[in-house]
Each structure stands twice: as C-alpha cells, then as structure tokens.
Amino acid sequence: MHTDKTLTAFSLADTARAQRPSSLEDEVVSLFDQFRAPLLRYLRSFQTPAPDAEEILQEVFLSLFHHLRQNKSRANLQGWIFRVAHNLALKNRLRGRRQADRFRYVPGISGIAADPAPGPEEAAVAAQRRERLLAVVQALPEQDQFCLSLRAEGLRYREIAEVLGMSLGAVANSMEKSMARLMRSEGDGNA
C-alpha cells in the first residue's frame, strides 16, 4: 500500500506540474520557434553566412534565457530579441572584417536562389526586377537598409527605432526615403 500512496503522490505532482504555467525554458523555446525564421532572414541581410547566423541565433536566445531568468523586463520581447540579434550581427561583421584584413580574404556574395517562375520570359523579367531592387537597396545608406529589413520582418516603426537606437521620426523619414527610391526604380524599370 505504501507503494500505491507513493505512486499517487507522484501522479498528483505530475498533474500539478502540468497545470502550472509553462516554465521559463518552455517560454524561450516557444519564442525561438516563433522568431527563428524572421531572425535568420534579418541576420542574412547582413551578408552573414548561414552557419554564423545560426550561431548568432543561439546566442540571442541564450541571452534571452538569462534576461528572463534574472526577471528583467518582458516589455516588447520582440524588439529586445531583434536588438540583441542586430548588435551581435554587427559584432560578427566587425570580427569578419578584422579577420579579412588579417588574412587578406574577402568573402564573396552568395548566389541568389533560382526563381521557380512559370516561363523563361517571366523569370527573366522577375530576375531583372529583383536585381534592380537589390541594387537600389544596396545603394541605400546602411541605416536605411537596416530599417527596411526590420520592417520586412514585421517590426513596427517604434520597435525599429528601439532596435537601431534611432528616433521614431528618423525611422519614419528613412522608410519614406527608401520607399520613394524603390518606387522610382520601379517606374524607371517599367518605362
């Protein structure tokens, strides 16, 4: 009978544990699942190689775990996560530049994946449009590129301002100028 009471006590403890709010680990795993793909896209916009982007992603969520374990602010975790990723990507890029200078190695730009367009004419038009838009984006100041990338990942202007350490007005101004340049390039390409 003593064994039955012990088993009952364990099953009650398991039931209570299952009814409790999810643990900190579960919360971080859930946030990882939610933000993994957008963060990887954002990190890749820095021309970060995929293995480095994955490593940065792991560092972001380890930092998030420590941040939450220390009961620090949970306000705007999405903005916090992107800001940490942004800062780590900048550090990674700086480290890459230092290594490039040290070893005289200049990494090449990775190729663009093929577009599965229905026909060759559409594929050619789409490729030209993509190249034109990419050239316009790459010609933008770096800060404007960051604003566009973060906006493409769904961050609001206020969150972008927080991630990049800019004023809300500066973000709005950057987005307006960038979008105007992109629209002009579309007009030039269609003429």
N, C-alpha and C. Protein backbone atom coordinates (compact mmCIF):
# COMPACT_ATOMS: atom_id res chain seq x y z
N MET A 1 0.81 -1.20 0.00
CA MET A 1 0.00 0.00 0.00
C MET A 1 0.85 1.25 0.00
N HIS A 2 1.97 1.18 0.67
CA HIS A 2 2.86 2.32 0.69
C HIS A 2 3.28 2.71 -0.72
N THR A 3 3.47 1.70 -1.58
CA THR A 3 3.84 1.95 -2.97
C THR A 3 2.73 2.66 -3.71
N ASP A 4 1.48 2.29 -3.45
CA ASP A 4 0.35 2.95 -4.10
C ASP A 4 0.27 4.41 -3.70
N LYS A 5 0.54 4.71 -2.43
CA LYS A 5 0.50 6.11 -1.98
C LYS A 5 1.62 6.91 -2.63
N THR A 6 2.78 6.28 -2.78
CA THR A 6 3.91 6.96 -3.42
C THR A 6 3.59 7.23 -4.88
N LEU A 7 3.03 6.24 -5.57
CA LEU A 7 2.64 6.43 -6.97
C LEU A 7 1.58 7.51 -7.09
N THR A 8 0.62 7.50 -6.16
CA THR A 8 -0.42 8.51 -6.19
C THR A 8 0.18 9.90 -5.97
N ALA A 9 1.12 10.01 -5.05
CA ALA A 9 1.77 11.30 -4.78
C ALA A 9 2.52 11.78 -6.02
N PHE A 10 3.23 10.85 -6.71
CA PHE A 10 3.94 11.24 -7.92
C PHE A 10 2.98 11.67 -9.01
N SER A 11 1.88 10.96 -9.19
CA SER A 11 0.94 11.32 -10.24
C SER A 11 0.26 12.64 -9.93
N LEU A 12 0.01 12.94 -8.66
CA LEU A 12 -0.56 14.24 -8.29
C LEU A 12 0.45 15.35 -8.56
N ALA A 13 1.71 15.08 -8.25
CA ALA A 13 2.75 16.09 -8.52
C ALA A 13 2.88 16.34 -10.02
N ASP A 14 2.82 15.28 -10.82
CA ASP A 14 2.90 15.43 -12.28
C ASP A 14 1.71 16.22 -12.80
N THR A 15 0.52 15.96 -12.27
CA THR A 15 -0.67 16.68 -12.67
C THR A 15 -0.55 18.15 -12.31
N ALA A 16 -0.08 18.43 -11.10
CA ALA A 16 0.08 19.83 -10.68
C ALA A 16 1.10 20.53 -11.55
N ARG A 17 2.19 19.82 -11.89
CA ARG A 17 3.22 20.41 -12.74
C ARG A 17 2.65 20.72 -14.13
N ALA A 18 1.82 19.84 -14.65
CA ALA A 18 1.24 20.03 -15.98
C ALA A 18 0.26 21.20 -15.98
N GLN A 19 -0.38 21.47 -14.84
CA GLN A 19 -1.35 22.55 -14.78
C GLN A 19 -0.70 23.91 -14.54
N ARG A 20 0.54 23.90 -14.04
CA ARG A 20 1.26 25.14 -13.81
C ARG A 20 1.56 25.84 -15.13
N PRO A 21 1.71 27.18 -15.09
CA PRO A 21 2.12 27.87 -16.32
C PRO A 21 3.44 27.29 -16.81
N SER A 22 3.68 27.39 -18.10
CA SER A 22 4.88 26.79 -18.69
C SER A 22 6.13 27.38 -18.06
N SER A 23 7.19 26.62 -18.05
CA SER A 23 8.44 27.04 -17.44
C SER A 23 9.14 28.08 -18.32
N LEU A 24 10.16 28.62 -17.74
CA LEU A 24 10.97 29.61 -18.46
C LEU A 24 11.57 28.99 -19.72
N GLU A 25 12.03 27.74 -19.61
CA GLU A 25 12.59 27.06 -20.77
C GLU A 25 11.55 26.92 -21.87
N ASP A 26 10.32 26.55 -21.48
CA ASP A 26 9.25 26.40 -22.46
C ASP A 26 8.95 27.73 -23.15
N GLU A 27 8.99 28.81 -22.37
CA GLU A 27 8.72 30.13 -22.93
C GLU A 27 9.80 30.52 -23.95
N VAL A 28 11.06 30.26 -23.62
CA VAL A 28 12.15 30.59 -24.53
C VAL A 28 12.07 29.72 -25.78
N VAL A 29 11.74 28.44 -25.62
CA VAL A 29 11.60 27.56 -26.78
C VAL A 29 10.46 28.04 -27.67
N SER A 30 9.37 28.47 -27.06
CA SER A 30 8.24 28.99 -27.83
C SER A 30 8.64 30.25 -28.61
N LEU A 31 9.36 31.15 -27.96
CA LEU A 31 9.83 32.37 -28.64
C LEU A 31 10.83 32.02 -29.75
N PHE A 32 11.68 31.02 -29.50
CA PHE A 32 12.62 30.56 -30.52
C PHE A 32 11.86 30.07 -31.75
N ASP A 33 10.84 29.25 -31.51
CA ASP A 33 10.04 28.73 -32.62
C ASP A 33 9.37 29.86 -33.39
N GLN A 34 8.91 30.87 -32.67
CA GLN A 34 8.20 31.98 -33.29
C GLN A 34 9.12 32.90 -34.10
N PHE A 35 10.33 33.15 -33.58
CA PHE A 35 11.18 34.17 -34.20
C PHE A 35 12.38 33.62 -34.95
N ARG A 36 12.57 32.32 -35.01
CA ARG A 36 13.74 31.74 -35.66
C ARG A 36 13.85 32.18 -37.12
N ALA A 37 12.81 31.94 -37.89
CA ALA A 37 12.87 32.25 -39.33
C ALA A 37 13.04 33.76 -39.59
N PRO A 38 12.24 34.63 -38.94
CA PRO A 38 12.46 36.07 -39.19
C PRO A 38 13.85 36.55 -38.77
N LEU A 39 14.36 36.03 -37.66
CA LEU A 39 15.69 36.44 -37.22
C LEU A 39 16.77 35.96 -38.19
N LEU A 40 16.63 34.73 -38.68
CA LEU A 40 17.61 34.25 -39.65
C LEU A 40 17.59 35.10 -40.92
N ARG A 41 16.39 35.46 -41.39
CA ARG A 41 16.32 36.33 -42.58
C ARG A 41 17.00 37.67 -42.30
N TYR A 42 16.74 38.23 -41.10
CA TYR A 42 17.34 39.51 -40.76
C TYR A 42 18.86 39.38 -40.67
N LEU A 43 19.33 38.34 -40.02
CA LEU A 43 20.78 38.14 -39.90
C LEU A 43 21.42 37.92 -41.27
N ARG A 44 20.75 37.23 -42.16
CA ARG A 44 21.28 37.00 -43.51
C ARG A 44 21.33 38.32 -44.30
N SER A 45 20.48 39.29 -43.94
CA SER A 45 20.52 40.59 -44.63
C SER A 45 21.82 41.33 -44.34
N PHE A 46 22.56 40.89 -43.33
CA PHE A 46 23.87 41.46 -43.02
C PHE A 46 24.97 40.79 -43.84
N GLN A 47 24.57 39.91 -44.78
CA GLN A 47 25.52 39.11 -45.55
C GLN A 47 26.25 38.13 -44.63
N THR A 48 25.58 37.72 -43.56
CA THR A 48 26.14 36.78 -42.61
C THR A 48 26.00 35.37 -43.16
N PRO A 49 27.08 34.60 -43.21
CA PRO A 49 26.97 33.21 -43.67
C PRO A 49 25.98 32.44 -42.78
N ALA A 50 25.31 31.47 -43.36
CA ALA A 50 24.28 30.71 -42.65
C ALA A 50 24.80 30.10 -41.34
N PRO A 51 25.97 29.48 -41.30
CA PRO A 51 26.43 28.92 -40.03
C PRO A 51 26.63 29.99 -38.95
N ASP A 52 27.15 31.15 -39.35
CA ASP A 52 27.32 32.25 -38.39
C ASP A 52 25.98 32.78 -37.92
N ALA A 53 25.02 32.86 -38.83
CA ALA A 53 23.68 33.33 -38.46
C ALA A 53 23.04 32.38 -37.45
N GLU A 54 23.22 31.08 -37.66
CA GLU A 54 22.69 30.10 -36.70
C GLU A 54 23.35 30.25 -35.34
N GLU A 55 24.65 30.50 -35.34
CA GLU A 55 25.37 30.68 -34.08
C GLU A 55 24.89 31.94 -33.35
N ILE A 56 24.72 33.01 -34.10
CA ILE A 56 24.21 34.25 -33.50
C ILE A 56 22.82 34.02 -32.94
N LEU A 57 22.00 33.30 -33.67
CA LEU A 57 20.64 32.98 -33.21
C LEU A 57 20.69 32.26 -31.86
N GLN A 58 21.59 31.31 -31.72
CA GLN A 58 21.72 30.59 -30.45
C GLN A 58 22.14 31.55 -29.33
N GLU A 59 23.06 32.46 -29.63
CA GLU A 59 23.50 33.44 -28.63
C GLU A 59 22.35 34.35 -28.22
N VAL A 60 21.51 34.75 -29.17
CA VAL A 60 20.37 35.62 -28.87
C VAL A 60 19.46 34.94 -27.86
N PHE A 61 19.14 33.67 -28.11
CA PHE A 61 18.19 33.01 -27.23
C PHE A 61 18.81 32.58 -25.90
N LEU A 62 20.11 32.38 -25.87
CA LEU A 62 20.78 32.16 -24.59
C LEU A 62 20.73 33.44 -23.77
N SER A 63 20.98 34.57 -24.43
CA SER A 63 20.88 35.87 -23.75
C SER A 63 19.46 36.12 -23.27
N LEU A 64 18.48 35.74 -24.09
CA LEU A 64 17.09 35.91 -23.69
C LEU A 64 16.78 35.08 -22.45
N PHE A 65 17.26 33.85 -22.42
CA PHE A 65 17.04 32.99 -21.26
C PHE A 65 17.61 33.64 -20.00
N HIS A 66 18.85 34.14 -20.08
CA HIS A 66 19.46 34.80 -18.92
C HIS A 66 18.70 36.06 -18.55
N HIS A 67 18.26 36.81 -19.54
CA HIS A 67 17.49 38.04 -19.32
C HIS A 67 16.21 37.73 -18.54
N LEU A 68 15.50 36.73 -18.98
CA LEU A 68 14.23 36.38 -18.33
C LEU A 68 14.47 35.71 -16.97
N ARG A 69 15.51 34.91 -16.84
CA ARG A 69 15.80 34.25 -15.57
C ARG A 69 16.14 35.27 -14.49
N GLN A 70 16.69 36.41 -14.89
CA GLN A 70 17.02 37.46 -13.93
C GLN A 70 15.84 38.38 -13.68
N ASN A 71 14.67 37.98 -14.19
CA ASN A 71 13.42 38.73 -14.01
C ASN A 71 13.52 40.16 -14.52
N LYS A 72 14.23 40.33 -15.62
CA LYS A 72 14.31 41.65 -16.25
C LYS A 72 13.06 41.88 -17.08
N SER A 73 12.94 43.04 -17.63
CA SER A 73 11.72 43.47 -18.32
C SER A 73 11.31 42.51 -19.44
N ARG A 74 10.00 42.26 -19.48
CA ARG A 74 9.42 41.44 -20.54
C ARG A 74 8.70 42.32 -21.56
N ALA A 75 8.78 43.62 -21.37
CA ALA A 75 8.11 44.54 -22.29
C ALA A 75 8.79 44.46 -23.66
N ASN A 76 8.01 44.26 -24.69
CA ASN A 76 8.46 44.23 -26.08
C ASN A 76 9.62 43.26 -26.29
N LEU A 77 9.38 42.00 -26.00
CA LEU A 77 10.43 40.99 -26.19
C LEU A 77 10.83 40.87 -27.65
N GLN A 78 9.90 41.09 -28.57
CA GLN A 78 10.25 41.02 -29.99
C GLN A 78 11.32 42.06 -30.32
N GLY A 79 11.11 43.27 -29.88
CA GLY A 79 12.10 44.33 -30.11
C GLY A 79 13.42 44.02 -29.43
N TRP A 80 13.36 43.47 -28.21
CA TRP A 80 14.57 43.11 -27.47
C TRP A 80 15.34 42.04 -28.24
N ILE A 81 14.65 41.03 -28.72
CA ILE A 81 15.29 39.93 -29.44
C ILE A 81 15.97 40.45 -30.71
N PHE A 82 15.28 41.28 -31.48
CA PHE A 82 15.86 41.82 -32.71
C PHE A 82 17.03 42.76 -32.41
N ARG A 83 16.93 43.54 -31.31
CA ARG A 83 18.03 44.45 -30.96
C ARG A 83 19.29 43.65 -30.62
N VAL A 84 19.13 42.58 -29.83
CA VAL A 84 20.28 41.75 -29.48
C VAL A 84 20.86 41.10 -30.74
N ALA A 85 19.99 40.60 -31.61
CA ALA A 85 20.46 39.99 -32.87
C ALA A 85 21.20 41.02 -33.71
N HIS A 86 20.67 42.22 -33.79
CA HIS A 86 21.30 43.30 -34.56
C HIS A 86 22.71 43.58 -34.02
N ASN A 87 22.81 43.74 -32.71
CA ASN A 87 24.11 44.04 -32.11
C ASN A 87 25.10 42.91 -32.32
N LEU A 88 24.65 41.68 -32.16
CA LEU A 88 25.54 40.54 -32.37
C LEU A 88 25.96 40.42 -33.84
N ALA A 89 25.05 40.74 -34.75
CA ALA A 89 25.39 40.69 -36.18
C ALA A 89 26.44 41.75 -36.52
N LEU A 90 26.29 42.93 -35.92
CA LEU A 90 27.30 43.97 -36.14
C LEU A 90 28.67 43.53 -35.61
N LYS A 91 28.68 42.93 -34.41
CA LYS A 91 29.94 42.43 -33.85
C LYS A 91 30.53 41.34 -34.74
N ASN A 92 29.68 40.46 -35.24
CA ASN A 92 30.15 39.39 -36.11
C ASN A 92 30.74 39.97 -37.40
N ARG A 93 30.08 40.97 -37.95
CA ARG A 93 30.58 41.59 -39.18
C ARG A 93 31.93 42.27 -38.93
N LEU A 94 32.05 42.96 -37.80
CA LEU A 94 33.32 43.61 -37.46
C LEU A 94 34.42 42.57 -37.27
N ARG A 95 34.09 41.47 -36.60
CA ARG A 95 35.06 40.38 -36.42
C ARG A 95 35.47 39.81 -37.78
N GLY A 96 34.50 39.66 -38.68
CA GLY A 96 34.78 39.16 -40.02
C GLY A 96 35.69 40.10 -40.80
N ARG A 97 35.47 41.40 -40.64
CA ARG A 97 36.33 42.37 -41.33
C ARG A 97 37.74 42.33 -40.80
N ARG A 98 37.86 42.18 -39.47
CA ARG A 98 39.20 42.10 -38.88
C ARG A 98 39.93 40.87 -39.40
N GLN A 99 39.22 39.75 -39.47
CA GLN A 99 39.85 38.53 -39.99
C GLN A 99 40.19 38.69 -41.47
N ALA A 100 39.33 39.35 -42.21
CA ALA A 100 39.60 39.56 -43.64
C ALA A 100 40.86 40.40 -43.82
N ASP A 101 41.00 41.42 -42.98
CA ASP A 101 42.20 42.24 -43.05
C ASP A 101 43.43 41.44 -42.66
N ARG A 102 43.27 40.60 -41.67
CA ARG A 102 44.41 39.82 -41.18
C ARG A 102 44.84 38.79 -42.21
N PHE A 103 43.90 38.14 -42.85
CA PHE A 103 44.23 37.07 -43.78
C PHE A 103 44.08 37.46 -45.24
N ARG A 104 43.72 38.71 -45.49
CA ARG A 104 43.52 39.20 -46.85
C ARG A 104 42.51 38.36 -47.61
N TYR A 105 41.51 37.92 -46.91
CA TYR A 105 40.45 37.12 -47.51
C TYR A 105 39.19 37.98 -47.60
N VAL A 106 38.63 38.09 -48.78
CA VAL A 106 37.42 38.86 -48.98
C VAL A 106 36.30 37.89 -49.36
N PRO A 107 35.32 37.71 -48.47
CA PRO A 107 34.26 36.76 -48.79
C PRO A 107 33.41 37.25 -49.95
N GLY A 108 33.01 36.33 -50.81
CA GLY A 108 32.17 36.67 -51.95
C GLY A 108 30.70 36.71 -51.57
N ILE A 109 29.92 37.31 -52.39
CA ILE A 109 28.49 37.37 -52.16
C ILE A 109 27.88 36.06 -52.65
N SER A 110 27.05 35.48 -51.81
CA SER A 110 26.45 34.20 -52.20
C SER A 110 25.45 34.42 -53.33
N GLY A 111 25.27 33.38 -54.13
CA GLY A 111 24.36 33.45 -55.28
C GLY A 111 22.91 33.53 -54.84
N ILE A 112 22.09 34.03 -55.73
CA ILE A 112 20.66 34.15 -55.46
C ILE A 112 19.98 32.88 -55.93
N ALA A 113 19.09 32.36 -55.11
CA ALA A 113 18.38 31.13 -55.47
C ALA A 113 17.52 31.37 -56.71
N ALA A 114 17.40 30.35 -57.53
CA ALA A 114 16.61 30.46 -58.76
C ALA A 114 15.13 30.65 -58.43
N ASP A 115 14.46 31.47 -59.23
CA ASP A 115 13.05 31.73 -59.08
C ASP A 115 12.26 30.68 -59.87
N PRO A 116 11.32 29.98 -59.24
CA PRO A 116 10.57 28.95 -59.97
C PRO A 116 9.41 29.55 -60.78
N ALA A 117 9.68 30.54 -61.60
CA ALA A 117 8.65 31.19 -62.41
C ALA A 117 8.14 30.23 -63.49
N PRO A 118 6.90 30.43 -63.95
CA PRO A 118 6.32 29.51 -64.91
C PRO A 118 7.02 29.47 -66.27
N GLY A 119 7.55 30.59 -66.74
CA GLY A 119 8.16 30.61 -68.05
C GLY A 119 9.46 31.38 -68.06
N PRO A 120 10.28 31.21 -69.10
CA PRO A 120 11.57 31.88 -69.15
C PRO A 120 11.46 33.40 -69.25
N GLU A 121 10.43 33.90 -69.95
CA GLU A 121 10.28 35.35 -70.07
C GLU A 121 9.95 35.97 -68.71
N GLU A 122 9.01 35.33 -68.00
CA GLU A 122 8.64 35.84 -66.67
C GLU A 122 9.83 35.76 -65.71
N ALA A 123 10.59 34.68 -65.83
CA ALA A 123 11.76 34.51 -64.97
C ALA A 123 12.79 35.61 -65.24
N ALA A 124 13.00 35.93 -66.51
CA ALA A 124 13.97 36.97 -66.86
C ALA A 124 13.51 38.33 -66.35
N VAL A 125 12.24 38.64 -66.52
CA VAL A 125 11.69 39.92 -66.04
C VAL A 125 11.80 40.00 -64.52
N ALA A 126 11.43 38.90 -63.85
CA ALA A 126 11.49 38.87 -62.39
C ALA A 126 12.92 39.02 -61.90
N ALA A 127 13.86 38.39 -62.58
CA ALA A 127 15.27 38.47 -62.18
C ALA A 127 15.79 39.89 -62.36
N GLN A 128 15.43 40.52 -63.48
CA GLN A 128 15.87 41.90 -63.71
C GLN A 128 15.28 42.83 -62.66
N ARG A 129 14.01 42.63 -62.34
CA ARG A 129 13.35 43.46 -61.32
C ARG A 129 14.03 43.26 -59.97
N ARG A 130 14.29 42.00 -59.61
CA ARG A 130 14.94 41.69 -58.34
C ARG A 130 16.32 42.31 -58.27
N GLU A 131 17.10 42.22 -59.36
CA GLU A 131 18.44 42.80 -59.40
C GLU A 131 18.38 44.31 -59.26
N ARG A 132 17.41 44.91 -59.95
CA ARG A 132 17.26 46.37 -59.89
C ARG A 132 16.92 46.80 -58.46
N LEU A 133 15.96 46.10 -57.83
CA LEU A 133 15.57 46.45 -56.47
C LEU A 133 16.70 46.19 -55.48
N LEU A 134 17.40 45.08 -55.66
CA LEU A 134 18.53 44.77 -54.79
C LEU A 134 19.62 45.83 -54.93
N ALA A 135 19.87 46.28 -56.16
CA ALA A 135 20.87 47.33 -56.37
C ALA A 135 20.46 48.62 -55.68
N VAL A 136 19.15 48.94 -55.74
CA VAL A 136 18.67 50.16 -55.07
C VAL A 136 18.84 50.01 -53.56
N VAL A 137 18.46 48.86 -53.02
CA VAL A 137 18.58 48.63 -51.58
C VAL A 137 20.04 48.68 -51.15
N GLN A 138 20.93 48.06 -51.91
CA GLN A 138 22.35 48.07 -51.56
C GLN A 138 22.97 49.45 -51.68
N ALA A 139 22.37 50.32 -52.50
CA ALA A 139 22.87 51.69 -52.65
C ALA A 139 22.40 52.59 -51.50
N LEU A 140 21.40 52.13 -50.75
CA LEU A 140 20.90 52.91 -49.62
C LEU A 140 21.94 52.96 -48.52
N PRO A 141 21.91 54.00 -47.71
CA PRO A 141 22.79 54.01 -46.54
C PRO A 141 22.48 52.79 -45.65
N GLU A 142 23.47 52.33 -44.94
CA GLU A 142 23.33 51.12 -44.14
C GLU A 142 22.16 51.21 -43.16
N GLN A 143 21.99 52.35 -42.54
CA GLN A 143 20.90 52.53 -41.57
C GLN A 143 19.54 52.34 -42.24
N ASP A 144 19.39 52.84 -43.46
CA ASP A 144 18.15 52.67 -44.21
C ASP A 144 17.93 51.20 -44.57
N GLN A 145 19.01 50.49 -44.89
CA GLN A 145 18.89 49.06 -45.17
C GLN A 145 18.40 48.30 -43.94
N PHE A 146 18.95 48.66 -42.77
CA PHE A 146 18.51 48.01 -41.54
C PHE A 146 17.03 48.29 -41.29
N CYS A 147 16.61 49.53 -41.49
CA CYS A 147 15.20 49.88 -41.28
C CYS A 147 14.30 49.05 -42.19
N LEU A 148 14.66 48.95 -43.47
CA LEU A 148 13.86 48.16 -44.41
C LEU A 148 13.81 46.69 -44.01
N SER A 149 14.94 46.14 -43.63
CA SER A 149 14.99 44.72 -43.25
C SER A 149 14.12 44.44 -42.03
N LEU A 150 14.21 45.30 -41.04
CA LEU A 150 13.40 45.10 -39.84
C LEU A 150 11.91 45.28 -40.12
N ARG A 151 11.58 46.24 -40.98
CA ARG A 151 10.17 46.45 -41.34
C ARG A 151 9.66 45.24 -42.12
N ALA A 152 10.50 44.69 -42.98
CA ALA A 152 10.11 43.50 -43.74
C ALA A 152 9.87 42.31 -42.82
N GLU A 153 10.49 42.31 -41.65
CA GLU A 153 10.28 41.24 -40.68
C GLU A 153 9.07 41.51 -39.78
N GLY A 154 8.38 42.61 -40.02
CA GLY A 154 7.14 42.87 -39.30
C GLY A 154 7.25 43.77 -38.09
N LEU A 155 8.42 44.33 -37.84
CA LEU A 155 8.55 45.22 -36.71
C LEU A 155 7.90 46.56 -37.03
N ARG A 156 7.29 47.14 -36.02
CA ARG A 156 6.69 48.47 -36.17
C ARG A 156 7.79 49.53 -36.07
N TYR A 157 7.47 50.74 -36.53
CA TYR A 157 8.46 51.81 -36.53
C TYR A 157 9.05 52.01 -35.14
N ARG A 158 8.20 51.99 -34.12
CA ARG A 158 8.66 52.22 -32.75
C ARG A 158 9.67 51.13 -32.35
N GLU A 159 9.40 49.89 -32.74
CA GLU A 159 10.30 48.79 -32.43
C GLU A 159 11.61 48.92 -33.20
N ILE A 160 11.52 49.35 -34.45
CA ILE A 160 12.73 49.57 -35.26
C ILE A 160 13.59 50.65 -34.62
N ALA A 161 12.94 51.71 -34.17
CA ALA A 161 13.67 52.80 -33.52
C ALA A 161 14.41 52.28 -32.29
N GLU A 162 13.74 51.42 -31.52
CA GLU A 162 14.36 50.87 -30.32
C GLU A 162 15.53 49.95 -30.67
N VAL A 163 15.34 49.11 -31.68
CA VAL A 163 16.40 48.16 -32.07
C VAL A 163 17.63 48.91 -32.56
N LEU A 164 17.43 49.92 -33.39
CA LEU A 164 18.55 50.63 -34.02
C LEU A 164 19.04 51.83 -33.23
N GLY A 165 18.34 52.17 -32.14
CA GLY A 165 18.75 53.33 -31.35
C GLY A 165 18.53 54.65 -32.07
N MET A 166 17.44 54.72 -32.83
CA MET A 166 17.11 55.92 -33.59
C MET A 166 15.83 56.53 -33.01
N SER A 167 15.55 57.76 -33.41
CA SER A 167 14.28 58.35 -33.03
C SER A 167 13.19 57.80 -33.95
N LEU A 168 11.96 57.86 -33.49
CA LEU A 168 10.84 57.40 -34.28
C LEU A 168 10.74 58.20 -35.58
N GLY A 169 10.98 59.50 -35.51
CA GLY A 169 10.94 60.35 -36.70
C GLY A 169 12.01 59.98 -37.71
N ALA A 170 13.20 59.62 -37.20
CA ALA A 170 14.29 59.22 -38.10
C ALA A 170 13.94 57.93 -38.83
N VAL A 171 13.28 57.01 -38.13
CA VAL A 171 12.86 55.76 -38.77
C VAL A 171 11.83 56.05 -39.85
N ALA A 172 10.84 56.87 -39.52
CA ALA A 172 9.79 57.22 -40.49
C ALA A 172 10.40 57.91 -41.71
N ASN A 173 11.33 58.82 -41.48
CA ASN A 173 11.99 59.54 -42.56
C ASN A 173 12.80 58.57 -43.43
N SER A 174 13.52 57.66 -42.78
CA SER A 174 14.31 56.67 -43.51
C SER A 174 13.41 55.79 -44.38
N MET A 175 12.32 55.32 -43.81
CA MET A 175 11.41 54.46 -44.56
C MET A 175 10.78 55.20 -45.73
N GLU A 176 10.41 56.44 -45.51
CA GLU A 176 9.80 57.23 -46.58
C GLU A 176 10.77 57.43 -47.74
N LYS A 177 12.01 57.80 -47.43
CA LYS A 177 13.02 58.00 -48.47
C LYS A 177 13.32 56.69 -49.20
N SER A 178 13.45 55.62 -48.44
CA SER A 178 13.78 54.32 -49.04
C SER A 178 12.67 53.84 -49.96
N MET A 179 11.43 53.96 -49.50
CA MET A 179 10.31 53.52 -50.32
C MET A 179 10.18 54.39 -51.57
N ALA A 180 10.45 55.68 -51.45
CA ALA A 180 10.40 56.56 -52.62
C ALA A 180 11.45 56.13 -53.66
N ARG A 181 12.65 55.79 -53.19
CA ARG A 181 13.70 55.33 -54.11
C ARG A 181 13.31 54.02 -54.79
N LEU A 182 12.72 53.12 -54.01
CA LEU A 182 12.29 51.85 -54.59
C LEU A 182 11.18 52.06 -55.61
N MET A 183 10.25 52.94 -55.32
CA MET A 183 9.15 53.23 -56.25
C MET A 183 9.69 53.89 -57.52
N ARG A 184 10.66 54.80 -57.38
CA ARG A 184 11.27 55.43 -58.56
C ARG A 184 11.96 54.38 -59.42
N SER A 185 12.63 53.42 -58.78
CA SER A 185 13.32 52.40 -59.58
C SER A 185 12.30 51.51 -60.31
N GLU A 186 11.15 51.31 -59.73
CA GLU A 186 10.09 50.55 -60.39
C GLU A 186 9.56 51.34 -61.59
N GLY A 187 9.43 52.63 -61.42
CA GLY A 187 8.97 53.48 -62.52
C GLY A 187 9.97 53.50 -63.67
N ASP A 188 11.26 53.56 -63.32
CA ASP A 188 12.31 53.55 -64.34
C ASP A 188 12.36 52.22 -65.07
N GLY A 189 12.11 51.13 -64.32
CA GLY A 189 12.18 49.80 -64.92
C GLY A 189 11.00 49.50 -65.81
N ASN A 190 9.86 50.12 -65.56
CA ASN A 190 8.66 49.86 -66.34
C ASN A 190 8.52 50.78 -67.54
N ALA A 191 9.33 51.79 -67.61
CA ALA A 191 9.19 52.77 -68.68
C ALA A 191 9.75 52.26 -69.98
